[in-house]
Amino acid sequence: MVKKLQKMSADKKTAPPLASAVKESAQQIWLAGLGAFSKAQEEGGKVFETLVKEGLTIQRKTQAAAEEKISEATSKMANMATDIQSKAGHQWDKLENIFEERVAKALNKLGVPSAKDVDALTARIDELNKSIQKMNGKPPAARKTEKPAAKAPAKKPASTAARPAAAKRPTARKSA
């Protein structure tokens, strides 16, 4: 190892311009690195601001696109809800019709007249009244077509409330 060092020192003595050139080149590389670092620091703020602006632009575009998609989805959901509501309404109408038909059949089996039957009878009574009036020579009396108001619940006669206790039936006595 000593021999190597001696050989290198001998080479240094013979080639001083080469060492100084290498030293000078290394110094320039170092200074170039420092300059690049300084330049990066100066322009780093500018680059950072530029990146922030680009990020803000992208965020706005993304938000606009997202709002558009949300609007489209809301519109589609509203249309679907309307369709479902209309289909459900049709189903309820069908169910209501089936229920009305079954109730009408049950009432018919029990002998309860339908509204059509009552209307037909009313028309027939009116015709008969007109015929009778013509036979008697009197003008026909006008009929009211309004339905009668709901009857009030029947009240107990006052005589039953005022009955004396003695008027009650006597109970059979048991023989002891």
Protein backbone atom coordinates (compact mmCIF):
# COMPACT_ATOMS: atom_id res chain seq x y z
CA MET A 1 0.00 0.00 0.00
CA VAL A 2 2.88 2.30 0.70
CA LYS A 3 4.21 1.65 -2.76
CA LYS A 4 0.88 2.71 -4.26
CA LEU A 5 0.85 5.95 -2.30
CA GLN A 6 4.42 6.73 -3.35
CA LYS A 7 3.57 6.03 -6.95
CA MET A 8 0.52 8.32 -6.71
CA SER A 9 2.47 11.12 -5.14
CA ALA A 10 5.05 10.80 -7.89
CA ASP A 11 2.28 11.06 -10.44
CA LYS A 12 0.97 14.16 -8.69
CA LYS A 13 4.29 15.88 -8.92
CA THR A 14 4.57 15.16 -12.60
CA ALA A 15 0.97 16.10 -13.47
CA PRO A 16 -0.05 19.19 -11.47
CA PRO A 17 -2.12 20.67 -14.31
CA LEU A 18 -4.37 17.55 -14.38
CA ALA A 19 -5.16 17.73 -10.65
CA SER A 20 -5.90 21.39 -10.80
CA ALA A 21 -8.20 20.80 -13.77
CA VAL A 22 -10.07 18.06 -11.88
CA LYS A 23 -10.25 20.25 -8.79
CA GLU A 24 -11.53 23.15 -10.83
CA SER A 25 -14.08 20.94 -12.58
CA ALA A 26 -15.35 19.55 -9.25
CA GLN A 27 -15.64 23.10 -7.95
CA GLN A 28 -17.74 24.09 -11.00
CA ILE A 29 -19.99 21.04 -10.56
CA TRP A 30 -20.50 21.95 -6.92
CA LEU A 31 -21.36 25.54 -7.81
CA ALA A 32 -23.73 24.36 -10.56
CA GLY A 33 -25.49 22.16 -8.00
CA LEU A 34 -25.82 25.09 -5.58
CA GLY A 35 -27.17 27.26 -8.40
CA ALA A 36 -29.72 24.60 -9.34
CA PHE A 37 -30.79 24.29 -5.72
CA SER A 38 -31.18 28.07 -5.41
CA LYS A 39 -33.11 28.24 -8.66
CA ALA A 40 -35.38 25.39 -7.49
CA GLN A 41 -36.06 27.25 -4.24
CA GLU A 42 -36.92 30.48 -6.06
CA GLU A 43 -39.11 28.82 -8.65
CA GLY A 44 -40.46 26.24 -6.22
CA GLY A 45 -42.97 28.79 -4.88
CA LYS A 46 -44.03 29.63 -8.41
CA VAL A 47 -44.35 25.97 -9.30
CA PHE A 48 -46.32 25.37 -6.09
CA GLU A 49 -48.73 28.21 -6.91
CA THR A 50 -49.14 26.89 -10.45
CA LEU A 51 -49.91 23.41 -9.12
CA VAL A 52 -52.47 24.85 -6.67
CA LYS A 53 -54.18 26.73 -9.52
CA GLU A 54 -54.29 23.60 -11.67
CA GLY A 55 -55.62 21.59 -8.74
CA LEU A 56 -58.37 24.18 -8.15
CA THR A 57 -59.32 24.06 -11.82
CA ILE A 58 -59.50 20.27 -11.77
CA GLN A 59 -61.55 20.34 -8.55
CA ARG A 60 -64.08 22.74 -10.09
CA LYS A 61 -64.39 20.59 -13.20
CA THR A 62 -64.82 17.48 -11.06
CA GLN A 63 -67.47 19.14 -8.89
CA ALA A 64 -69.38 20.34 -11.95
CA ALA A 65 -69.30 16.85 -13.44
CA ALA A 66 -70.39 15.32 -10.13
CA GLU A 67 -73.26 17.80 -9.77
CA GLU A 68 -74.36 17.01 -13.31
CA LYS A 69 -74.33 13.28 -12.58
CA ILE A 70 -76.25 13.85 -9.35
CA SER A 71 -78.80 15.93 -11.22
CA GLU A 72 -79.21 13.20 -13.84
CA ALA A 73 -79.55 10.54 -11.14
CA THR A 74 -82.12 12.64 -9.28
CA SER A 75 -84.11 13.12 -12.46
CA LYS A 76 -84.03 9.39 -13.22
CA MET A 77 -85.10 8.53 -9.68
CA ALA A 78 -87.97 11.04 -9.84
CA ASN A 79 -89.14 9.51 -13.13
CA MET A 80 -88.90 6.02 -11.68
CA ALA A 81 -90.84 7.10 -8.59
CA THR A 82 -93.56 8.61 -10.79
CA ASP A 83 -93.77 5.41 -12.84
CA ILE A 84 -93.94 3.24 -9.75
CA GLN A 85 -96.57 5.51 -8.19
CA SER A 86 -98.68 5.36 -11.34
CA LYS A 87 -98.39 1.56 -11.52
CA ALA A 88 -99.29 1.28 -7.86
CA GLY A 89 -102.28 3.58 -8.44
CA HIS A 90 -103.49 1.33 -11.25
CA GLN A 91 -103.11 -1.73 -9.02
CA TRP A 92 -105.10 -0.02 -6.25
CA ASP A 93 -107.82 0.88 -8.77
CA LYS A 94 -108.00 -2.74 -9.90
CA LEU A 95 -108.14 -3.91 -6.30
CA GLU A 96 -110.86 -1.38 -5.51
CA ASN A 97 -112.91 -2.52 -8.51
CA ILE A 98 -112.55 -6.18 -7.50
CA PHE A 99 -113.61 -5.32 -3.94
CA GLU A 100 -116.64 -3.33 -5.15
CA GLU A 101 -117.70 -6.14 -7.47
CA ARG A 102 -117.47 -8.74 -4.71
CA VAL A 103 -119.39 -6.57 -2.25
CA ALA A 104 -122.08 -5.95 -4.89
CA LYS A 105 -122.35 -9.70 -5.53
CA ALA A 106 -122.63 -10.42 -1.81
CA LEU A 107 -125.30 -7.75 -1.34
CA ASN A 108 -127.17 -9.05 -4.38
CA LYS A 109 -127.13 -12.58 -2.93
CA LEU A 110 -128.56 -11.20 0.31
CA GLY A 111 -131.32 -9.47 -1.66
CA VAL A 112 -130.17 -5.90 -1.00
CA PRO A 113 -131.06 -3.71 -3.98
CA SER A 114 -128.24 -1.89 -5.71
CA ALA A 115 -128.14 1.83 -6.40
CA LYS A 116 -129.12 1.08 -10.00
CA ASP A 117 -132.13 -0.88 -8.81
CA VAL A 118 -133.22 1.98 -6.54
CA ASP A 119 -132.77 4.50 -9.37
CA ALA A 120 -134.79 2.31 -11.72
CA LEU A 121 -137.58 1.99 -9.14
CA THR A 122 -137.58 5.75 -8.57
CA ALA A 123 -137.90 6.37 -12.31
CA ARG A 124 -140.68 3.82 -12.54
CA ILE A 125 -142.54 5.43 -9.61
CA ASP A 126 -142.24 8.82 -11.31
CA GLU A 127 -143.70 7.39 -14.52
CA LEU A 128 -146.55 5.77 -12.61
CA ASN A 129 -147.28 9.05 -10.78
CA LYS A 130 -147.42 10.87 -14.11
CA SER A 131 -149.81 8.26 -15.53
CA ILE A 132 -152.06 8.49 -12.47
CA GLN A 133 -152.07 12.27 -12.65
CA LYS A 134 -153.03 12.11 -16.31
CA MET A 135 -155.90 9.77 -15.50
CA ASN A 136 -157.14 12.02 -12.73
CA GLY A 137 -156.67 15.13 -14.86
CA LYS A 138 -154.40 16.87 -12.36
CA PRO A 139 -150.93 18.15 -13.25
CA PRO A 140 -148.12 15.93 -11.96
CA ALA A 141 -146.57 16.95 -8.66
CA ALA A 142 -142.91 17.85 -8.73
CA ARG A 143 -140.66 15.35 -6.95
CA LYS A 144 -137.53 16.23 -5.10
CA THR A 145 -134.53 14.36 -6.44
CA GLU A 146 -132.39 15.08 -3.40
CA LYS A 147 -131.58 12.26 -1.07
CA PRO A 148 -133.17 12.57 2.36
CA ALA A 149 -130.89 13.71 5.16
CA ALA A 150 -129.63 11.11 7.59
CA LYS A 151 -132.22 10.40 10.25
CA ALA A 152 -131.42 11.39 13.81
CA PRO A 153 -131.33 8.51 16.27
CA ALA A 154 -134.75 7.73 17.66
CA LYS A 155 -135.38 9.06 21.16
CA LYS A 156 -137.17 7.07 23.79
CA PRO A 157 -140.67 8.27 24.41
CA ALA A 158 -141.01 10.38 27.51
CA SER A 159 -143.69 8.04 28.91
CA THR A 160 -141.20 5.19 29.37
CA ALA A 161 -138.82 7.36 31.32
CA ALA A 162 -141.64 8.56 33.61
CA ARG A 163 -143.08 5.11 34.37
CA PRO A 164 -143.29 4.38 38.01
CA ALA A 165 -141.32 1.51 39.40
CA ALA A 166 -144.55 -0.29 40.29
CA ALA A 167 -145.50 -0.60 36.67
CA LYS A 168 -142.74 -3.09 36.11
CA ARG A 169 -143.67 -6.71 35.82
CA PRO A 170 -143.74 -8.52 39.05
CA THR A 171 -141.21 -11.26 39.39
CA ALA A 172 -142.31 -14.74 40.22
CA ARG A 173 -141.91 -15.53 43.88
CA LYS A 174 -140.41 -18.70 44.97
CA SER A 175 -142.34 -20.77 47.38
CA ALA A 176 -140.45 -21.69 50.43
